[in-house]
Amino acid sequence: MQSMQKNFVTVANKKIAYYEKGKGNPIIFLHGNPTSSYLWRNITPHMCNMGRCISIDLIGMGNSDKLDQSDINSYKFEEHYHYLNQTIKSLTDQNNITFVLHDWGSALGFHWSHKHPNSIMGIAYMEAIINEMTWDDWNENSRSLFQGFRSEAGESLILDKNYFIEKVLPGSIIRDLDESEMNEYRKPFLNSGEDRRPTLSWPREIPMNGKPENVCKLVNAYADWMQINDIPKLFINAEPGVILTGRMRDLCRTWKNQKEVSVKGLHFIQEDSPTEIGNALSSWYKDIFKS
């Protein structure tokens, strides 16, 4: 990652950070909560000789600017999507795009693809949000924790205690992150309060039992579309995984024109199996687009 140049594009007077390396058709890497483009540092080197790798930091995350005067209504899905959409329009001609998606980056990328189907060459995804969920799709520990985030206790847990960075992130990786790695993930959220708002808004946006209504509607719409479109797909299955398991895993396996590989990992599988993910991506991309 250190060899990749850090750049910025301005959207609505806010600087959006991204890393870029390689030439050719765009391969866009989208992270989720509470990470950044740093998540992809050991994976993009496998792909940058095949296309133009672009790893974007979502608004308020990574090295991207924070929103002004943010509050409980800030950093919701549609606001993130606005900034991401404008970033993609600024950086590409919106043709021949391949997405590599994780966590909330998957919901953003799936939704963008659904709205711009003729712009997409391929979609690779892992530990993704592939449909509306119910609490029964979650194990007991995760269920109680995320119900806490979605309650009034969320402000204390995340805005004060930085729980997503300090507990959820390392707890969702098999290996231990070293201090320099943890510090890189901490950087955007060192200040308590509103600087950490993105990591609280995201769990409150999870499409669960019909709420939030707008997110459930768009997630279910792209889920239906992903099942029937012919765009080449790569499902990188996490073993044992965290969110794309059980019923959800069975559901995404019904999607058309899809290859599947399995790698070791919980949720942030890029930290446990970067080489395996990179090899799977490069093999898939080569087979489908370079033949």
Protein backbone atom coordinates (compact mmCIF):
# COMPACT_ATOMS: atom_id res chain seq x y z
CA MET A 1 0.00 0.00 0.00
CA GLN A 2 2.88 2.32 0.74
CA SER A 3 3.89 2.25 -2.94
CA MET A 4 0.42 3.36 -4.05
CA GLN A 5 -0.08 7.06 -4.56
CA LYS A 6 -2.72 8.73 -2.42
CA ASN A 7 -4.99 11.06 -4.34
CA PHE A 8 -8.07 13.16 -3.67
CA VAL A 9 -11.14 14.14 -5.65
CA THR A 10 -13.49 16.90 -4.45
CA VAL A 11 -17.19 16.12 -4.11
CA ALA A 12 -19.54 18.76 -2.68
CA ASN A 13 -16.55 20.61 -1.18
CA LYS A 14 -15.29 17.47 0.55
CA LYS A 15 -12.11 15.64 -0.33
CA ILE A 16 -12.57 11.94 -1.04
CA ALA A 17 -9.35 9.92 -0.76
CA TYR A 18 -8.39 7.03 -3.00
CA TYR A 19 -5.39 4.93 -3.96
CA GLU A 20 -4.73 4.15 -7.58
CA LYS A 21 -2.29 1.92 -9.41
CA GLY A 22 -2.23 0.30 -12.83
CA LYS A 23 -3.70 1.16 -16.20
CA GLY A 24 -6.68 -0.05 -18.17
CA ASN A 25 -10.26 -0.76 -17.23
CA PRO A 26 -11.21 0.34 -13.69
CA ILE A 27 -11.22 -2.24 -10.90
CA ILE A 28 -12.87 -0.48 -7.95
CA PHE A 29 -12.34 -1.79 -4.41
CA LEU A 30 -14.95 -0.71 -1.84
CA HIS A 31 -14.55 -1.21 1.91
CA GLY A 32 -17.18 -1.16 4.63
CA ASN A 33 -17.40 -0.46 8.36
CA PRO A 34 -15.11 0.53 10.12
CA THR A 35 -12.28 0.13 7.62
CA SER A 36 -10.79 2.02 4.67
CA SER A 37 -8.85 1.41 1.48
CA TYR A 38 -6.08 0.15 3.79
CA LEU A 39 -8.07 -3.11 3.98
CA TRP A 40 -7.11 -3.88 0.36
CA ARG A 41 -3.37 -3.13 0.68
CA ASN A 42 -2.27 -6.75 0.25
CA ILE A 43 -4.83 -7.60 -2.45
CA THR A 44 -4.55 -4.82 -5.04
CA PRO A 45 -0.94 -5.81 -5.94
CA HIS A 46 -2.39 -9.02 -7.43
CA MET A 47 -4.58 -6.98 -9.77
CA CYS A 48 -2.75 -3.79 -10.73
CA ASN A 49 -1.07 -5.40 -13.75
CA MET A 50 -4.53 -6.25 -15.15
CA GLY A 51 -6.34 -2.95 -14.83
CA ARG A 52 -6.58 0.37 -13.07
CA CYS A 53 -7.05 -0.48 -9.40
CA ILE A 54 -8.90 2.24 -7.48
CA SER A 55 -9.44 1.83 -3.72
CA ILE A 56 -11.80 4.49 -2.40
CA ASP A 57 -12.20 5.78 1.17
CA LEU A 58 -15.88 6.42 1.92
CA ILE A 59 -16.88 9.85 3.22
CA GLY A 60 -15.83 10.31 6.86
CA MET A 61 -13.65 7.19 6.73
CA GLY A 62 -10.00 6.53 5.92
CA ASN A 63 -8.38 9.74 4.70
CA SER A 64 -11.59 11.23 3.32
CA ASP A 65 -13.00 14.38 4.89
CA LYS A 66 -15.60 14.36 7.65
CA LEU A 67 -19.00 15.94 7.16
CA ASP A 68 -19.68 19.31 8.78
CA GLN A 69 -21.90 19.40 11.85
CA SER A 70 -22.77 15.72 11.64
CA ASP A 71 -25.45 14.23 13.86
CA ILE A 72 -27.69 11.17 14.21
CA ASN A 73 -28.97 11.67 10.66
CA SER A 74 -25.51 11.79 9.05
CA TYR A 75 -23.49 9.13 7.21
CA LYS A 76 -26.52 7.11 6.24
CA PHE A 77 -26.52 4.89 3.17
CA GLU A 78 -27.89 7.40 0.69
CA GLU A 79 -25.43 10.08 1.80
CA HIS A 80 -22.51 7.68 1.38
CA TYR A 81 -23.90 6.68 -2.00
CA HIS A 82 -24.09 10.29 -3.17
CA TYR A 83 -20.40 10.86 -2.45
CA LEU A 84 -19.37 7.50 -3.90
CA ASN A 85 -21.41 7.98 -7.07
CA GLN A 86 -19.86 11.38 -7.72
CA THR A 87 -16.40 9.97 -7.01
CA ILE A 88 -16.86 7.17 -9.53
CA LYS A 89 -18.13 9.68 -12.10
CA SER A 90 -15.09 11.88 -11.49
CA LEU A 91 -12.55 9.08 -11.71
CA THR A 92 -13.93 6.97 -14.58
CA ASP A 93 -15.90 7.20 -17.81
CA GLN A 94 -18.31 4.70 -16.20
CA ASN A 95 -17.45 1.96 -18.66
CA ASN A 96 -16.07 -1.57 -18.17
CA ILE A 97 -16.02 -1.31 -14.37
CA THR A 98 -15.28 -4.31 -12.18
CA PHE A 99 -16.18 -4.04 -8.49
CA VAL A 100 -14.46 -5.85 -5.62
CA LEU A 101 -16.81 -5.49 -2.66
CA HIS A 102 -16.93 -6.10 1.08
CA ASP A 103 -19.37 -5.31 3.89
CA TRP A 104 -21.15 -1.96 3.30
CA GLY A 105 -18.99 -1.45 0.24
CA SER A 106 -20.95 -4.35 -1.21
CA ALA A 107 -24.33 -2.70 -0.69
CA LEU A 108 -23.02 0.50 -2.25
CA GLY A 109 -21.44 -1.38 -5.15
CA PHE A 110 -24.41 -3.66 -5.79
CA HIS A 111 -26.75 -0.65 -5.75
CA TRP A 112 -24.48 1.32 -8.11
CA SER A 113 -24.31 -1.69 -10.44
CA HIS A 114 -28.10 -2.07 -10.39
CA LYS A 115 -28.48 1.57 -11.41
CA HIS A 116 -25.70 1.39 -14.04
CA PRO A 117 -25.90 -2.18 -15.41
CA ASN A 118 -24.32 -1.31 -18.75
CA SER A 119 -21.23 0.05 -16.98
CA ILE A 120 -20.31 -3.22 -15.27
CA MET A 121 -17.86 -5.88 -16.47
CA GLY A 122 -17.80 -7.99 -13.33
CA ILE A 123 -18.59 -8.11 -9.61
CA ALA A 124 -16.53 -9.89 -6.95
CA TYR A 125 -17.81 -9.89 -3.38
CA MET A 126 -17.09 -11.31 0.06
CA GLU A 127 -18.84 -11.08 3.47
CA ALA A 128 -21.43 -8.96 1.72
CA ILE A 129 -24.93 -7.60 2.29
CA ILE A 130 -26.85 -9.60 -0.29
CA ASN A 131 -30.44 -9.23 0.97
CA GLU A 132 -32.61 -7.95 3.79
CA MET A 133 -31.94 -9.89 7.00
CA THR A 134 -33.72 -10.97 10.15
CA TRP A 135 -32.20 -11.31 13.60
CA ASP A 136 -32.45 -15.09 13.17
CA ASP A 137 -29.68 -14.79 10.56
CA TRP A 138 -27.28 -13.67 13.33
CA ASN A 139 -25.67 -15.67 16.10
CA GLU A 140 -26.66 -14.78 19.64
CA ASN A 141 -23.54 -12.74 20.48
CA SER A 142 -23.67 -10.67 17.30
CA ARG A 143 -27.42 -10.19 17.66
CA SER A 144 -27.23 -8.70 21.14
CA LEU A 145 -24.24 -6.52 20.22
CA PHE A 146 -25.81 -5.06 17.08
CA GLN A 147 -29.15 -4.59 18.81
CA GLY A 148 -27.16 -2.52 21.30
CA PHE A 149 -25.65 -0.41 18.52
CA ARG A 150 -29.14 0.23 17.14
CA SER A 151 -30.40 1.37 20.57
CA GLU A 152 -29.60 4.48 22.61
CA ALA A 153 -26.61 2.59 24.03
CA GLY A 154 -24.92 2.89 20.63
CA GLU A 155 -23.74 6.44 21.28
CA SER A 156 -21.79 5.40 24.37
CA LEU A 157 -20.46 2.19 22.85
CA ILE A 158 -19.18 3.77 19.65
CA LEU A 159 -18.91 7.56 19.93
CA ASP A 160 -17.31 7.32 23.39
CA LYS A 161 -15.68 3.89 23.57
CA ASN A 162 -14.84 3.41 19.86
CA TYR A 163 -16.19 -0.13 20.16
CA PHE A 164 -16.27 -0.92 16.46
CA ILE A 165 -12.57 -0.21 16.03
CA GLU A 166 -11.30 -1.54 19.34
CA LYS A 167 -13.48 -4.66 19.67
CA VAL A 168 -15.51 -5.58 16.58
CA LEU A 169 -12.66 -5.17 14.09
CA PRO A 170 -9.99 -7.28 15.87
CA GLY A 171 -12.66 -9.71 17.06
CA SER A 172 -13.63 -10.42 13.45
CA ILE A 173 -10.11 -11.39 12.34
CA ILE A 174 -8.49 -14.73 13.14
CA ARG A 175 -4.92 -13.47 13.44
CA ASP A 176 -3.85 -10.63 15.71
CA LEU A 177 -3.36 -7.25 14.04
CA ASP A 178 -0.08 -5.66 15.08
CA GLU A 179 -0.02 -2.19 16.65
CA SER A 180 0.89 -0.39 13.41
CA GLU A 181 -2.05 -2.03 11.64
CA MET A 182 -4.46 -1.18 14.45
CA ASN A 183 -3.18 2.40 14.50
CA GLU A 184 -3.85 2.75 10.77
CA TYR A 185 -7.46 1.70 11.34
CA ARG A 186 -7.73 3.98 14.40
CA LYS A 187 -6.49 7.12 12.62
CA PRO A 188 -9.83 8.41 11.28
CA PHE A 189 -11.54 7.84 14.62
CA LEU A 190 -9.04 9.05 17.24
CA ASN A 191 -11.32 11.86 18.41
CA SER A 192 -14.36 10.79 20.42
CA GLY A 193 -17.79 12.01 19.42
CA GLU A 194 -18.89 12.91 15.91
CA ASP A 195 -15.66 11.86 14.19
CA ARG A 196 -16.75 8.30 14.97
CA ARG A 197 -20.32 8.81 13.73
CA PRO A 198 -19.81 6.78 10.49
CA THR A 199 -19.08 3.64 12.52
CA LEU A 200 -22.37 4.09 14.43
CA SER A 201 -24.59 5.04 11.51
CA TRP A 202 -23.60 1.96 9.52
CA PRO A 203 -24.92 -0.71 11.95
CA ARG A 204 -28.13 1.30 12.24
CA GLU A 205 -28.55 1.10 8.45
CA ILE A 206 -28.38 -2.73 8.27
CA PRO A 207 -31.55 -3.86 6.43
CA MET A 208 -33.29 -5.79 9.19
CA ASN A 209 -36.94 -6.81 9.46
CA GLY A 210 -38.11 -4.03 7.15
CA LYS A 211 -36.08 -1.23 8.74
CA PRO A 212 -34.70 1.18 7.66
CA GLU A 213 -37.42 1.07 5.02
CA ASN A 214 -35.46 2.88 2.30
CA VAL A 215 -32.40 0.64 2.71
CA CYS A 216 -34.48 -2.55 2.74
CA LYS A 217 -36.22 -1.44 -0.45
CA LEU A 218 -33.03 -0.80 -2.42
CA VAL A 219 -31.22 -3.87 -1.02
CA ASN A 220 -34.11 -6.16 -1.94
CA ALA A 221 -34.25 -4.56 -5.39
CA TYR A 222 -30.57 -5.20 -6.10
CA ALA A 223 -30.87 -8.69 -4.60
CA ASP A 224 -33.57 -9.57 -7.12
CA TRP A 225 -31.47 -8.11 -9.93
CA MET A 226 -28.27 -9.91 -8.87
CA GLN A 227 -30.11 -13.22 -9.06
CA ILE A 228 -31.07 -12.80 -12.71
CA ASN A 229 -28.40 -10.70 -14.44
CA ASP A 230 -25.67 -12.33 -16.52
CA ILE A 231 -22.77 -10.19 -15.27
CA PRO A 232 -19.77 -12.39 -14.34
CA LYS A 233 -19.57 -12.77 -10.57
CA LEU A 234 -17.04 -14.11 -8.09
CA PHE A 235 -18.28 -15.11 -4.63
CA ILE A 236 -15.34 -15.35 -2.23
CA ASN A 237 -16.82 -17.44 0.56
CA ALA A 238 -15.41 -17.01 4.07
CA GLU A 239 -14.89 -20.10 6.20
CA PRO A 240 -16.37 -19.93 8.74
CA GLY A 241 -17.50 -16.36 7.92
CA VAL A 242 -19.77 -14.07 9.93
CA ILE A 243 -22.52 -12.33 7.94
CA LEU A 244 -22.65 -14.24 4.64
CA THR A 245 -23.47 -17.63 6.14
CA GLY A 246 -26.46 -19.95 6.46
CA ARG A 247 -29.57 -18.75 4.65
CA MET A 248 -27.76 -15.77 3.11
CA ARG A 249 -24.97 -17.94 1.75
CA ASP A 250 -27.52 -20.33 0.25
CA LEU A 251 -29.31 -17.39 -1.36
CA CYS A 252 -26.28 -15.84 -3.04
CA ARG A 253 -25.29 -19.25 -4.38
CA THR A 254 -28.38 -19.07 -6.61
CA TRP A 255 -26.99 -16.06 -8.51
CA LYS A 256 -26.29 -16.63 -12.20
CA ASN A 257 -22.90 -16.72 -13.96
CA GLN A 258 -20.99 -17.04 -10.70
CA LYS A 259 -17.76 -18.70 -9.68
CA GLU A 260 -17.10 -19.51 -6.02
CA VAL A 261 -13.91 -19.94 -4.03
CA SER A 262 -13.52 -20.38 -0.27
CA VAL A 263 -10.86 -18.80 1.93
CA LYS A 264 -10.16 -18.84 5.66
CA GLY A 265 -11.58 -15.95 7.62
CA LEU A 266 -14.26 -14.46 9.83
CA HIS A 267 -15.50 -11.08 8.55
CA PHE A 268 -12.44 -9.02 7.61
CA ILE A 269 -11.04 -11.85 5.54
CA GLN A 270 -8.63 -9.55 3.72
CA GLU A 271 -6.52 -9.59 6.90
CA ASP A 272 -6.42 -13.39 7.13
CA SER A 273 -6.30 -14.56 3.51
CA PRO A 274 -5.02 -11.72 1.28
CA THR A 275 -2.94 -13.94 -0.98
CA GLU A 276 -5.76 -16.43 -1.49
CA ILE A 277 -8.20 -13.59 -2.25
CA GLY A 278 -5.73 -11.92 -4.61
CA ASN A 279 -5.05 -15.16 -6.46
CA ALA A 280 -8.78 -15.92 -6.78
CA LEU A 281 -9.48 -12.42 -8.12
CA SER A 282 -6.65 -12.46 -10.64
CA SER A 283 -7.54 -15.94 -11.89
CA TRP A 284 -11.22 -15.03 -12.28
CA TYR A 285 -10.47 -11.72 -13.96
CA LYS A 286 -7.96 -13.32 -16.32
CA ASP A 287 -10.25 -16.20 -17.28
CA ILE A 288 -13.28 -14.06 -17.98
CA PHE A 289 -11.90 -10.82 -19.34
CA LYS A 290 -8.55 -11.69 -20.89
CA SER A 291 -9.48 -14.85 -22.80
